[in-house]
Amino acid sequence: MSELALDEMSVLSAIYCEKDEFELLEKSAEKGLVFRIQIEVEAATSERTLLSLLFQLPTEYPHCVPKISVSSKQLSRKQCQHIKQSLLEKASALEPDPMVHELLLWLQQNFTELTLNDQSLVEVQEEEYIHLQRTVKVDVDSSGKRCKEKMMRVLCETQVSDLKRISSFEIKEFLSLEELQREFEQVGLLKLYQEFVATLP
């Protein structure tokens, strides 16, 4: 493995020196250097997300890009894949020099944009869902025949800052208003429930 890679690892371990921030996992002639860095990144909403990034620097590094893996308990697998792909694209555009710290700085600076792009995709999927509900036979009428959902209506469209991330779309059935209220509370939307849902006849 190159002296540049060893020097970079030494610098990174000094920069990310807090507990659990940097961990060397492997140092071998076959795989090169493998280490994990955990960092907190902040979005425009001031929400902080803990990311775990696994880097493998092959023996040819920095003349080739590092292998990268991204994980987070606060993000979906799709979001982590999106961040990973963006980091690899950025790495490919850089000069063949030690680049891990530069990639981490770039991630911190562009995290909001990366998650906003992902949120835009979610919004498009929601509009696709609403359109299908009104144009495709997704329900059954009183006689058991399939029919379109014509009673559904959007109660509110707004931006919220304290919403907990929902990693997947799921249809749930509730037996009581109390259960429904608890679900709104769990994702940080109690105010929305009280203003729009609880007042429904």
N, C-alpha and C. Protein backbone atom coordinates (compact mmCIF):
# COMPACT_ATOMS: atom_id res chain seq x y z
N MET A 1 0.85 -1.19 0.00
CA MET A 1 0.00 0.00 0.00
C MET A 1 0.89 1.24 0.00
N SER A 2 0.36 2.34 -0.54
CA SER A 2 1.19 3.53 -0.73
C SER A 2 1.38 4.30 0.57
N GLU A 3 2.49 5.04 0.62
CA GLU A 3 2.75 5.90 1.77
C GLU A 3 1.69 6.99 1.87
N LEU A 4 1.17 7.44 0.72
CA LEU A 4 0.12 8.46 0.72
C LEU A 4 -1.12 7.98 1.45
N ALA A 5 -1.50 6.72 1.21
CA ALA A 5 -2.67 6.17 1.87
C ALA A 5 -2.44 6.05 3.37
N LEU A 6 -1.25 5.60 3.78
CA LEU A 6 -0.94 5.48 5.20
C LEU A 6 -0.92 6.84 5.88
N ASP A 7 -0.35 7.83 5.19
CA ASP A 7 -0.31 9.18 5.76
C ASP A 7 -1.73 9.75 5.89
N GLU A 8 -2.56 9.49 4.87
CA GLU A 8 -3.94 9.99 4.93
C GLU A 8 -4.69 9.36 6.09
N MET A 9 -4.51 8.06 6.28
CA MET A 9 -5.18 7.39 7.39
C MET A 9 -4.75 7.97 8.72
N SER A 10 -3.49 8.29 8.85
CA SER A 10 -2.97 8.87 10.09
C SER A 10 -3.60 10.24 10.34
N VAL A 11 -3.73 11.03 9.29
CA VAL A 11 -4.35 12.35 9.41
C VAL A 11 -5.83 12.23 9.78
N LEU A 12 -6.52 11.30 9.13
CA LEU A 12 -7.95 11.09 9.40
C LEU A 12 -8.19 10.66 10.84
N SER A 13 -7.34 9.76 11.36
CA SER A 13 -7.50 9.30 12.73
C SER A 13 -7.26 10.43 13.73
N ALA A 14 -6.45 11.43 13.33
CA ALA A 14 -6.20 12.58 14.19
C ALA A 14 -7.37 13.57 14.14
N ILE A 15 -7.98 13.71 12.94
CA ILE A 15 -9.11 14.64 12.79
C ILE A 15 -10.35 14.08 13.47
N TYR A 16 -10.62 12.81 13.21
CA TYR A 16 -11.81 12.16 13.78
C TYR A 16 -11.36 11.32 14.98
N CYS A 17 -11.04 12.04 16.05
CA CYS A 17 -10.41 11.40 17.21
C CYS A 17 -11.35 11.20 18.38
N GLU A 18 -12.60 11.62 18.24
CA GLU A 18 -13.55 11.39 19.32
C GLU A 18 -13.93 9.91 19.38
N LYS A 19 -14.59 9.51 20.47
CA LYS A 19 -14.96 8.12 20.68
C LYS A 19 -15.83 7.61 19.52
N ASP A 20 -15.44 6.49 18.93
CA ASP A 20 -16.18 5.80 17.86
C ASP A 20 -16.18 6.54 16.52
N GLU A 21 -15.44 7.64 16.40
CA GLU A 21 -15.42 8.36 15.12
C GLU A 21 -14.58 7.65 14.07
N PHE A 22 -13.43 7.12 14.47
CA PHE A 22 -12.53 6.46 13.52
C PHE A 22 -12.17 5.07 14.03
N GLU A 23 -12.24 4.08 13.13
CA GLU A 23 -11.86 2.72 13.51
C GLU A 23 -11.17 2.02 12.34
N LEU A 24 -9.93 1.62 12.53
CA LEU A 24 -9.21 0.85 11.52
C LEU A 24 -9.65 -0.61 11.61
N LEU A 25 -10.16 -1.14 10.51
CA LEU A 25 -10.69 -2.51 10.51
C LEU A 25 -9.72 -3.51 9.90
N GLU A 26 -8.92 -3.08 8.92
CA GLU A 26 -8.00 -4.02 8.27
C GLU A 26 -6.86 -3.25 7.61
N LYS A 27 -5.69 -3.87 7.65
CA LYS A 27 -4.50 -3.31 6.99
C LYS A 27 -3.73 -4.48 6.44
N SER A 28 -3.86 -4.69 5.11
CA SER A 28 -3.23 -5.87 4.51
C SER A 28 -2.81 -5.57 3.09
N ALA A 29 -1.90 -6.41 2.57
CA ALA A 29 -1.43 -6.26 1.20
C ALA A 29 -2.51 -6.63 0.20
N GLU A 30 -3.46 -7.46 0.63
CA GLU A 30 -4.53 -7.88 -0.29
C GLU A 30 -5.62 -6.82 -0.43
N LYS A 31 -6.13 -6.34 0.69
CA LYS A 31 -7.25 -5.39 0.66
C LYS A 31 -6.83 -3.94 0.84
N GLY A 32 -5.59 -3.70 1.20
CA GLY A 32 -5.17 -2.33 1.47
C GLY A 32 -5.63 -1.91 2.85
N LEU A 33 -6.19 -0.70 2.96
CA LEU A 33 -6.68 -0.18 4.23
C LEU A 33 -8.20 -0.18 4.25
N VAL A 34 -8.77 -0.67 5.32
CA VAL A 34 -10.23 -0.63 5.49
C VAL A 34 -10.51 0.02 6.84
N PHE A 35 -11.26 1.12 6.82
CA PHE A 35 -11.57 1.80 8.08
C PHE A 35 -12.97 2.40 8.03
N ARG A 36 -13.51 2.64 9.22
CA ARG A 36 -14.86 3.21 9.35
C ARG A 36 -14.76 4.59 9.99
N ILE A 37 -15.52 5.52 9.45
CA ILE A 37 -15.63 6.86 10.03
C ILE A 37 -17.10 7.15 10.29
N GLN A 38 -17.41 7.58 11.50
CA GLN A 38 -18.76 7.97 11.84
C GLN A 38 -18.81 9.48 12.06
N ILE A 39 -19.71 10.14 11.35
CA ILE A 39 -19.83 11.59 11.47
C ILE A 39 -21.30 11.98 11.57
N GLU A 40 -21.54 13.11 12.19
CA GLU A 40 -22.88 13.69 12.22
C GLU A 40 -22.95 14.79 11.18
N VAL A 41 -23.97 14.75 10.35
CA VAL A 41 -24.17 15.79 9.35
C VAL A 41 -25.49 16.49 9.64
N GLU A 42 -25.54 17.76 9.31
CA GLU A 42 -26.71 18.57 9.63
C GLU A 42 -27.38 19.06 8.36
N ALA A 43 -28.70 18.87 8.29
CA ALA A 43 -29.48 19.36 7.16
C ALA A 43 -29.92 20.79 7.43
N ALA A 44 -30.55 21.42 6.44
CA ALA A 44 -31.00 22.80 6.58
C ALA A 44 -32.03 22.95 7.69
N THR A 45 -32.72 21.85 8.01
CA THR A 45 -33.74 21.88 9.07
C THR A 45 -33.13 21.79 10.45
N SER A 46 -31.78 21.74 10.53
CA SER A 46 -31.02 21.59 11.78
C SER A 46 -31.13 20.18 12.35
N GLU A 47 -31.77 19.28 11.63
CA GLU A 47 -31.82 17.88 12.05
C GLU A 47 -30.46 17.24 11.82
N ARG A 48 -29.92 16.57 12.83
CA ARG A 48 -28.61 15.94 12.72
C ARG A 48 -28.76 14.45 12.46
N THR A 49 -27.96 13.96 11.52
CA THR A 49 -28.02 12.55 11.12
C THR A 49 -26.65 11.91 11.31
N LEU A 50 -26.62 10.77 11.99
CA LEU A 50 -25.37 10.05 12.20
C LEU A 50 -25.15 9.09 11.04
N LEU A 51 -24.04 9.27 10.34
CA LEU A 51 -23.68 8.42 9.21
C LEU A 51 -22.46 7.57 9.56
N SER A 52 -22.50 6.33 9.12
CA SER A 52 -21.35 5.44 9.25
C SER A 52 -20.83 5.15 7.85
N LEU A 53 -19.59 5.54 7.57
CA LEU A 53 -19.01 5.38 6.24
C LEU A 53 -17.83 4.43 6.31
N LEU A 54 -17.90 3.38 5.50
CA LEU A 54 -16.83 2.39 5.43
C LEU A 54 -16.01 2.66 4.17
N PHE A 55 -14.71 2.87 4.34
CA PHE A 55 -13.82 3.13 3.21
C PHE A 55 -12.82 1.99 3.08
N GLN A 56 -12.63 1.54 1.84
CA GLN A 56 -11.56 0.59 1.54
C GLN A 56 -10.64 1.25 0.52
N LEU A 57 -9.39 1.46 0.92
CA LEU A 57 -8.40 2.07 0.02
C LEU A 57 -7.55 0.94 -0.57
N PRO A 58 -7.79 0.56 -1.83
CA PRO A 58 -7.01 -0.53 -2.45
C PRO A 58 -5.52 -0.16 -2.52
N THR A 59 -4.70 -1.15 -2.81
CA THR A 59 -3.25 -0.90 -2.87
C THR A 59 -2.88 0.12 -3.95
N GLU A 60 -3.75 0.25 -4.98
CA GLU A 60 -3.48 1.21 -6.06
C GLU A 60 -3.87 2.64 -5.70
N TYR A 61 -4.63 2.82 -4.61
CA TYR A 61 -5.08 4.14 -4.19
C TYR A 61 -3.88 5.03 -3.90
N PRO A 62 -3.90 6.32 -4.27
CA PRO A 62 -5.04 7.11 -4.75
C PRO A 62 -5.20 7.17 -6.27
N HIS A 63 -4.56 6.24 -6.99
CA HIS A 63 -4.71 6.22 -8.45
C HIS A 63 -6.01 5.53 -8.86
N CYS A 64 -6.80 5.10 -7.88
CA CYS A 64 -8.15 4.61 -8.12
C CYS A 64 -9.02 5.11 -6.97
N VAL A 65 -10.31 5.15 -7.19
CA VAL A 65 -11.20 5.69 -6.15
C VAL A 65 -11.38 4.65 -5.04
N PRO A 66 -11.64 5.10 -3.82
CA PRO A 66 -11.87 4.14 -2.73
C PRO A 66 -13.22 3.45 -2.89
N LYS A 67 -13.34 2.28 -2.31
CA LYS A 67 -14.65 1.62 -2.22
C LYS A 67 -15.35 2.19 -1.00
N ILE A 68 -16.63 2.47 -1.13
CA ILE A 68 -17.36 3.17 -0.07
C ILE A 68 -18.66 2.45 0.24
N SER A 69 -18.99 2.38 1.51
CA SER A 69 -20.29 1.88 1.96
C SER A 69 -20.87 2.87 2.96
N VAL A 70 -22.17 3.15 2.86
CA VAL A 70 -22.82 4.14 3.72
C VAL A 70 -23.99 3.48 4.45
N SER A 71 -24.10 3.72 5.74
CA SER A 71 -25.24 3.22 6.50
C SER A 71 -25.64 4.24 7.56
N SER A 72 -26.91 4.19 7.94
CA SER A 72 -27.43 5.07 8.99
C SER A 72 -28.76 4.53 9.47
N LYS A 73 -28.97 4.53 10.79
CA LYS A 73 -30.25 4.10 11.35
C LYS A 73 -31.35 5.10 11.07
N GLN A 74 -30.97 6.32 10.71
CA GLN A 74 -31.96 7.39 10.49
C GLN A 74 -32.37 7.52 9.02
N LEU A 75 -31.69 6.80 8.15
CA LEU A 75 -31.98 6.88 6.72
C LEU A 75 -32.39 5.52 6.18
N SER A 76 -33.12 5.55 5.07
CA SER A 76 -33.50 4.30 4.42
C SER A 76 -32.31 3.75 3.63
N ARG A 77 -32.42 2.50 3.22
CA ARG A 77 -31.37 1.89 2.40
C ARG A 77 -31.21 2.64 1.08
N LYS A 78 -32.33 3.07 0.53
CA LYS A 78 -32.29 3.81 -0.74
C LYS A 78 -31.56 5.13 -0.58
N GLN A 79 -31.79 5.82 0.53
CA GLN A 79 -31.11 7.08 0.78
C GLN A 79 -29.60 6.87 0.94
N CYS A 80 -29.22 5.80 1.65
CA CYS A 80 -27.80 5.50 1.83
C CYS A 80 -27.14 5.17 0.49
N GLN A 81 -27.85 4.44 -0.36
CA GLN A 81 -27.32 4.10 -1.68
C GLN A 81 -27.14 5.37 -2.52
N HIS A 82 -28.07 6.30 -2.39
CA HIS A 82 -27.99 7.55 -3.13
C HIS A 82 -26.76 8.36 -2.69
N ILE A 83 -26.51 8.40 -1.38
CA ILE A 83 -25.34 9.12 -0.86
C ILE A 83 -24.06 8.43 -1.32
N LYS A 84 -24.03 7.10 -1.25
CA LYS A 84 -22.86 6.35 -1.70
C LYS A 84 -22.54 6.64 -3.17
N GLN A 85 -23.56 6.58 -4.02
CA GLN A 85 -23.36 6.81 -5.44
C GLN A 85 -22.86 8.23 -5.70
N SER A 86 -23.40 9.19 -4.96
CA SER A 86 -22.97 10.58 -5.12
C SER A 86 -21.52 10.76 -4.71
N LEU A 87 -21.11 10.08 -3.65
CA LEU A 87 -19.71 10.15 -3.20
C LEU A 87 -18.76 9.53 -4.23
N LEU A 88 -19.17 8.40 -4.81
CA LEU A 88 -18.34 7.75 -5.83
C LEU A 88 -18.21 8.61 -7.08
N GLU A 89 -19.30 9.27 -7.46
CA GLU A 89 -19.25 10.17 -8.62
C GLU A 89 -18.33 11.35 -8.35
N LYS A 90 -18.41 11.89 -7.14
CA LYS A 90 -17.52 12.99 -6.76
C LYS A 90 -16.07 12.53 -6.76
N ALA A 91 -15.81 11.34 -6.21
CA ALA A 91 -14.44 10.81 -6.15
C ALA A 91 -13.86 10.63 -7.55
N SER A 92 -14.69 10.17 -8.48
CA SER A 92 -14.23 9.95 -9.86
C SER A 92 -13.85 11.25 -10.55
N ALA A 93 -14.43 12.36 -10.09
CA ALA A 93 -14.16 13.65 -10.71
C ALA A 93 -12.93 14.35 -10.11
N LEU A 94 -12.40 13.81 -9.01
CA LEU A 94 -11.25 14.43 -8.35
C LEU A 94 -9.93 13.95 -8.95
N GLU A 95 -8.88 14.74 -8.71
CA GLU A 95 -7.53 14.35 -9.12
C GLU A 95 -7.09 13.12 -8.32
N PRO A 96 -6.20 12.29 -8.86
CA PRO A 96 -5.74 11.09 -8.14
C PRO A 96 -4.81 11.42 -6.97
N ASP A 97 -5.39 12.06 -5.96
CA ASP A 97 -4.69 12.41 -4.73
C ASP A 97 -5.50 11.89 -3.55
N PRO A 98 -4.92 11.83 -2.35
CA PRO A 98 -5.71 11.45 -1.17
C PRO A 98 -6.98 12.29 -1.10
N MET A 99 -8.14 11.65 -1.00
CA MET A 99 -9.41 12.36 -1.20
C MET A 99 -10.47 12.10 -0.14
N VAL A 100 -10.22 11.22 0.82
CA VAL A 100 -11.28 10.84 1.76
C VAL A 100 -11.78 12.04 2.56
N HIS A 101 -10.86 12.85 3.08
CA HIS A 101 -11.28 14.01 3.86
C HIS A 101 -12.05 15.00 3.00
N GLU A 102 -11.60 15.18 1.77
CA GLU A 102 -12.32 16.08 0.86
C GLU A 102 -13.72 15.56 0.58
N LEU A 103 -13.86 14.25 0.44
CA LEU A 103 -15.19 13.65 0.22
C LEU A 103 -16.10 13.87 1.43
N LEU A 104 -15.54 13.75 2.62
CA LEU A 104 -16.33 13.95 3.83
C LEU A 104 -16.78 15.39 3.97
N LEU A 105 -15.91 16.32 3.65
CA LEU A 105 -16.27 17.74 3.69
C LEU A 105 -17.36 18.03 2.66
N TRP A 106 -17.20 17.45 1.47
CA TRP A 106 -18.21 17.64 0.41
C TRP A 106 -19.57 17.09 0.84
N LEU A 107 -19.55 15.94 1.50
CA LEU A 107 -20.79 15.34 1.97
C LEU A 107 -21.48 16.24 2.99
N GLN A 108 -20.70 16.79 3.93
CA GLN A 108 -21.28 17.67 4.94
C GLN A 108 -21.88 18.93 4.31
N GLN A 109 -21.21 19.44 3.28
CA GLN A 109 -21.68 20.66 2.63
C GLN A 109 -22.90 20.43 1.74
N ASN A 110 -23.04 19.22 1.22
CA ASN A 110 -24.10 18.93 0.25
C ASN A 110 -25.17 17.98 0.76
N PHE A 111 -25.14 17.67 2.05
CA PHE A 111 -26.09 16.71 2.60
C PHE A 111 -27.54 17.16 2.43
N THR A 112 -27.78 18.45 2.66
CA THR A 112 -29.15 18.97 2.50
C THR A 112 -29.64 18.77 1.08
N GLU A 113 -28.82 19.11 0.11
CA GLU A 113 -29.21 18.96 -1.30
C GLU A 113 -29.46 17.49 -1.64
N LEU A 114 -28.63 16.60 -1.14
CA LEU A 114 -28.80 15.17 -1.41
C LEU A 114 -30.11 14.66 -0.84
N THR A 115 -30.45 15.08 0.38
CA THR A 115 -31.70 14.63 0.99
C THR A 115 -32.91 15.32 0.39
N LEU A 116 -32.74 16.58 -0.07
CA LEU A 116 -33.85 17.27 -0.73
C LEU A 116 -34.19 16.58 -2.03
N ASN A 117 -33.17 16.15 -2.77
CA ASN A 117 -33.43 15.42 -4.01
C ASN A 117 -34.20 14.15 -3.73
N ASP A 118 -33.83 13.48 -2.63
CA ASP A 118 -34.54 12.26 -2.25
C ASP A 118 -35.98 12.57 -1.85
N GLN A 119 -36.18 13.70 -1.14
CA GLN A 119 -37.52 14.09 -0.73
C GLN A 119 -38.38 14.42 -1.93
N SER A 120 -37.76 15.02 -2.97
CA SER A 120 -38.51 15.33 -4.19
C SER A 120 -39.05 14.05 -4.82
N LEU A 121 -38.24 12.99 -4.79
CA LEU A 121 -38.68 11.71 -5.33
C LEU A 121 -39.87 11.17 -4.54
N VAL A 122 -39.82 11.33 -3.21
CA VAL A 122 -40.93 10.89 -2.37
C VAL A 122 -42.20 11.64 -2.72
N GLU A 123 -42.07 12.97 -2.95
CA GLU A 123 -43.24 13.77 -3.27
C GLU A 123 -43.86 13.35 -4.59
N VAL A 124 -42.99 13.02 -5.57
CA VAL A 124 -43.50 12.54 -6.86
C VAL A 124 -44.25 11.23 -6.68
N GLN A 125 -43.70 10.32 -5.87
CA GLN A 125 -44.37 9.05 -5.63
C GLN A 125 -45.72 9.25 -4.95
N GLU A 126 -45.80 10.21 -4.05
CA GLU A 126 -47.07 10.48 -3.37
C GLU A 126 -48.13 10.95 -4.37
N GLU A 127 -47.68 11.86 -5.36
CA GLU A 127 -48.61 12.36 -6.38
C GLU A 127 -49.03 11.18 -7.30
N GLU A 128 -48.09 10.26 -7.59
CA GLU A 128 -48.46 9.08 -8.38
C GLU A 128 -49.52 8.28 -7.66
N TYR A 129 -49.33 8.08 -6.30
CA TYR A 129 -50.27 7.32 -5.45
C TYR A 129 -51.66 7.95 -5.47
N ILE A 130 -51.74 9.28 -5.27
CA ILE A 130 -53.04 9.97 -5.26
C ILE A 130 -53.74 9.83 -6.60
N HIS A 131 -52.97 9.95 -7.68
CA HIS A 131 -53.56 9.81 -9.03
C HIS A 131 -54.14 8.40 -9.22
N LEU A 132 -53.41 7.38 -8.79
CA LEU A 132 -53.89 6.01 -8.94
C LEU A 132 -55.15 5.76 -8.11
N GLN A 133 -55.20 6.31 -6.92
CA GLN A 133 -56.38 6.13 -6.08
C GLN A 133 -57.65 6.63 -6.78
N ARG A 134 -57.50 7.66 -7.58
CA ARG A 134 -58.68 8.27 -8.21
C ARG A 134 -58.97 7.75 -9.60
N THR A 135 -58.02 7.03 -10.20
CA THR A 135 -58.22 6.59 -11.58
C THR A 135 -58.25 5.07 -11.76
N VAL A 136 -57.77 4.33 -10.76
CA VAL A 136 -57.73 2.87 -10.85
C VAL A 136 -58.66 2.28 -9.79
N LYS A 137 -59.27 1.14 -10.12
CA LYS A 137 -60.19 0.49 -9.19
C LYS A 137 -59.41 -0.17 -8.05
N VAL A 138 -59.34 0.54 -6.93
CA VAL A 138 -58.54 0.08 -5.79
C VAL A 138 -59.39 -0.26 -4.58
N ASP A 139 -60.70 -0.05 -4.68
CA ASP A 139 -61.60 -0.30 -3.55
C ASP A 139 -62.75 -1.19 -4.00
N VAL A 140 -63.63 -1.55 -3.07
CA VAL A 140 -64.84 -2.30 -3.42
C VAL A 140 -66.05 -1.57 -2.87
N ASP A 141 -67.17 -1.61 -3.61
CA ASP A 141 -68.38 -0.95 -3.14
C ASP A 141 -69.19 -1.89 -2.25
N SER A 142 -70.39 -1.46 -1.86
CA SER A 142 -71.22 -2.23 -0.93
C SER A 142 -71.64 -3.59 -1.48
N SER A 143 -71.63 -3.73 -2.80
CA SER A 143 -72.02 -5.01 -3.41
C SER A 143 -70.80 -5.92 -3.66
N GLY A 144 -69.63 -5.43 -3.31
CA GLY A 144 -68.43 -6.24 -3.48
C GLY A 144 -67.72 -6.05 -4.80
N LYS A 145 -68.23 -5.13 -5.63
CA LYS A 145 -67.59 -4.88 -6.93
C LYS A 145 -66.45 -3.88 -6.76
N ARG A 146 -65.42 -4.09 -7.56
CA ARG A 146 -64.26 -3.17 -7.50
C ARG A 146 -64.67 -1.79 -8.00
N CYS A 147 -64.16 -0.76 -7.34
CA CYS A 147 -64.49 0.60 -7.74
C CYS A 147 -63.31 1.53 -7.45
N LYS A 148 -63.38 2.73 -7.96
CA LYS A 148 -62.36 3.74 -7.72
C LYS A 148 -62.61 4.40 -6.37
N GLU A 149 -61.54 4.90 -5.76
CA GLU A 149 -61.64 5.59 -4.48
C GLU A 149 -61.93 7.07 -4.74
N LYS A 150 -63.21 7.44 -4.65
CA LYS A 150 -63.61 8.82 -4.95
C LYS A 150 -63.81 9.66 -3.70
N MET A 151 -63.81 9.01 -2.53
CA MET A 151 -64.06 9.74 -1.29
C MET A 151 -62.78 10.34 -0.70
N MET A 152 -61.63 9.85 -1.14
CA MET A 152 -60.38 10.33 -0.58
C MET A 152 -60.14 11.79 -0.92
N ARG A 153 -59.64 12.55 0.08
CA ARG A 153 -59.28 13.94 -0.18
C ARG A 153 -58.04 14.29 0.63
N VAL A 154 -57.26 15.21 0.10
CA VAL A 154 -56.05 15.67 0.78
C VAL A 154 -56.46 16.72 1.80
N LEU A 155 -56.13 16.48 3.07
CA LEU A 155 -56.53 17.39 4.14
C LEU A 155 -55.59 18.58 4.27
N CYS A 156 -54.32 18.35 3.98
CA CYS A 156 -53.34 19.41 4.21
C CYS A 156 -52.06 19.11 3.44
N GLU A 157 -51.43 20.15 2.91
CA GLU A 157 -50.09 20.05 2.32
C GLU A 157 -49.25 21.14 2.96
N THR A 158 -48.20 20.73 3.69
CA THR A 158 -47.39 21.70 4.40
C THR A 158 -45.99 21.16 4.61
N GLN A 159 -45.05 22.02 4.93
CA GLN A 159 -43.69 21.61 5.27
C GLN A 159 -43.56 21.56 6.78
N VAL A 160 -42.94 20.52 7.29
CA VAL A 160 -42.73 20.38 8.73
C VAL A 160 -41.26 20.14 9.00
N SER A 161 -40.78 20.69 10.11
CA SER A 161 -39.35 20.60 10.42
C SER A 161 -39.02 19.47 11.39
N ASP A 162 -40.03 19.05 12.20
CA ASP A 162 -39.74 18.04 13.21
C ASP A 162 -40.30 16.67 12.86
N LEU A 163 -40.54 16.43 11.57
CA LEU A 163 -41.07 15.15 11.13
C LEU A 163 -40.00 14.07 11.22
N LYS A 164 -40.32 12.96 11.88
CA LYS A 164 -39.40 11.83 11.90
C LYS A 164 -39.48 11.10 10.58
N ARG A 165 -38.35 10.67 10.06
CA ARG A 165 -38.30 10.05 8.75
C ARG A 165 -39.10 8.75 8.71
N ILE A 166 -39.88 8.57 7.63
CA ILE A 166 -40.61 7.34 7.38
C ILE A 166 -39.94 6.68 6.19
N SER A 167 -39.30 5.55 6.40
CA SER A 167 -38.44 4.96 5.37
C SER A 167 -39.20 4.25 4.26
N SER A 168 -40.47 3.93 4.48
CA SER A 168 -41.21 3.19 3.46
C SER A 168 -42.69 3.55 3.51
N PHE A 169 -43.39 3.31 2.39
CA PHE A 169 -44.82 3.56 2.34
C PHE A 169 -45.56 2.34 2.89
N GLU A 170 -46.55 2.59 3.74
CA GLU A 170 -47.26 1.49 4.37
C GLU A 170 -48.71 1.89 4.63
N ILE A 171 -49.63 0.98 4.37
CA ILE A 171 -51.05 1.22 4.66
C ILE A 171 -51.38 0.54 5.98
N LYS A 172 -51.95 1.30 6.92
CA LYS A 172 -52.30 0.76 8.23
C LYS A 172 -53.79 0.98 8.49
N GLU A 173 -54.38 0.07 9.21
CA GLU A 173 -55.78 0.19 9.62
C GLU A 173 -55.83 0.34 11.14
N PHE A 174 -56.62 1.31 11.62
CA PHE A 174 -56.72 1.58 13.04
C PHE A 174 -58.14 1.31 13.51
N LEU A 175 -58.24 0.73 14.71
CA LEU A 175 -59.54 0.38 15.26
C LEU A 175 -60.15 1.52 16.07
N SER A 176 -59.33 2.51 16.41
CA SER A 176 -59.84 3.63 17.20
C SER A 176 -59.10 4.91 16.86
N LEU A 177 -59.71 6.05 17.23
CA LEU A 177 -59.06 7.34 17.02
C LEU A 177 -57.82 7.48 17.88
N GLU A 178 -57.83 6.81 19.04
CA GLU A 178 -56.67 6.86 19.93
C GLU A 178 -55.44 6.24 19.26
N GLU A 179 -55.64 5.11 18.59
CA GLU A 179 -54.54 4.46 17.87
C GLU A 179 -54.03 5.36 16.75
N LEU A 180 -54.95 5.99 16.03
CA LEU A 180 -54.56 6.89 14.95
C LEU A 180 -53.78 8.08 15.50
N GLN A 181 -54.23 8.63 16.61
CA GLN A 181 -53.53 9.77 17.22
C GLN A 181 -52.11 9.39 17.65
N ARG A 182 -51.96 8.19 18.23
CA ARG A 182 -50.63 7.73 18.64
C ARG A 182 -49.70 7.62 17.45
N GLU A 183 -50.22 7.18 16.31
CA GLU A 183 -49.40 7.06 15.11
C GLU A 183 -48.90 8.43 14.65
N PHE A 184 -49.79 9.43 14.70
CA PHE A 184 -49.39 10.79 14.35
C PHE A 184 -48.33 11.31 15.32
N GLU A 185 -48.49 10.99 16.61
CA GLU A 185 -47.53 11.42 17.62
C GLU A 185 -46.15 10.83 17.36
N GLN A 186 -46.10 9.57 16.98
CA GLN A 186 -44.82 8.87 16.79
C GLN A 186 -43.98 9.48 15.68
N VAL A 187 -44.63 10.08 14.69
CA VAL A 187 -43.87 10.69 13.57
C VAL A 187 -43.80 12.20 13.70
N GLY A 188 -44.20 12.74 14.87
CA GLY A 188 -44.07 14.17 15.10
C GLY A 188 -45.13 15.03 14.45
N LEU A 189 -46.33 14.47 14.24
CA LEU A 189 -47.39 15.21 13.55
C LEU A 189 -48.65 15.38 14.41
N LEU A 190 -48.47 15.45 15.72
CA LEU A 190 -49.62 15.58 16.62
C LEU A 190 -50.39 16.87 16.34
N LYS A 191 -49.68 17.96 16.10
CA LYS A 191 -50.33 19.24 15.82
C LYS A 191 -51.18 19.15 14.56
N LEU A 192 -50.66 18.45 13.56
CA LEU A 192 -51.40 18.27 12.32
C LEU A 192 -52.67 17.45 12.56
N TYR A 193 -52.54 16.42 13.40
CA TYR A 193 -53.70 15.59 13.74
C TYR A 193 -54.78 16.43 14.42
N GLN A 194 -54.35 17.22 15.41
CA GLN A 194 -55.31 18.02 16.18
C GLN A 194 -55.99 19.07 15.32
N GLU A 195 -55.28 19.61 14.34
CA GLU A 195 -55.82 20.69 13.53
C GLU A 195 -56.73 20.20 12.41
N PHE A 196 -56.40 19.05 11.82
CA PHE A 196 -57.13 18.61 10.62
C PHE A 196 -57.92 17.33 10.81
N VAL A 197 -57.35 16.34 11.50
CA VAL A 197 -58.00 15.03 11.58
C VAL A 197 -59.03 14.98 12.70
N ALA A 198 -58.66 15.48 13.89
CA ALA A 198 -59.56 15.37 15.02
C ALA A 198 -60.86 16.17 14.83
N THR A 199 -60.83 17.15 13.92
CA THR A 199 -62.02 17.99 13.70
C THR A 199 -62.96 17.42 12.64
N LEU A 200 -62.57 16.30 12.02
CA LEU A 200 -63.43 15.71 10.99
C LEU A 200 -64.70 15.14 11.62
N PRO A 201 -65.83 15.25 10.91
CA PRO A 201 -67.08 14.72 11.45
C PRO A 201 -67.05 13.18 11.54
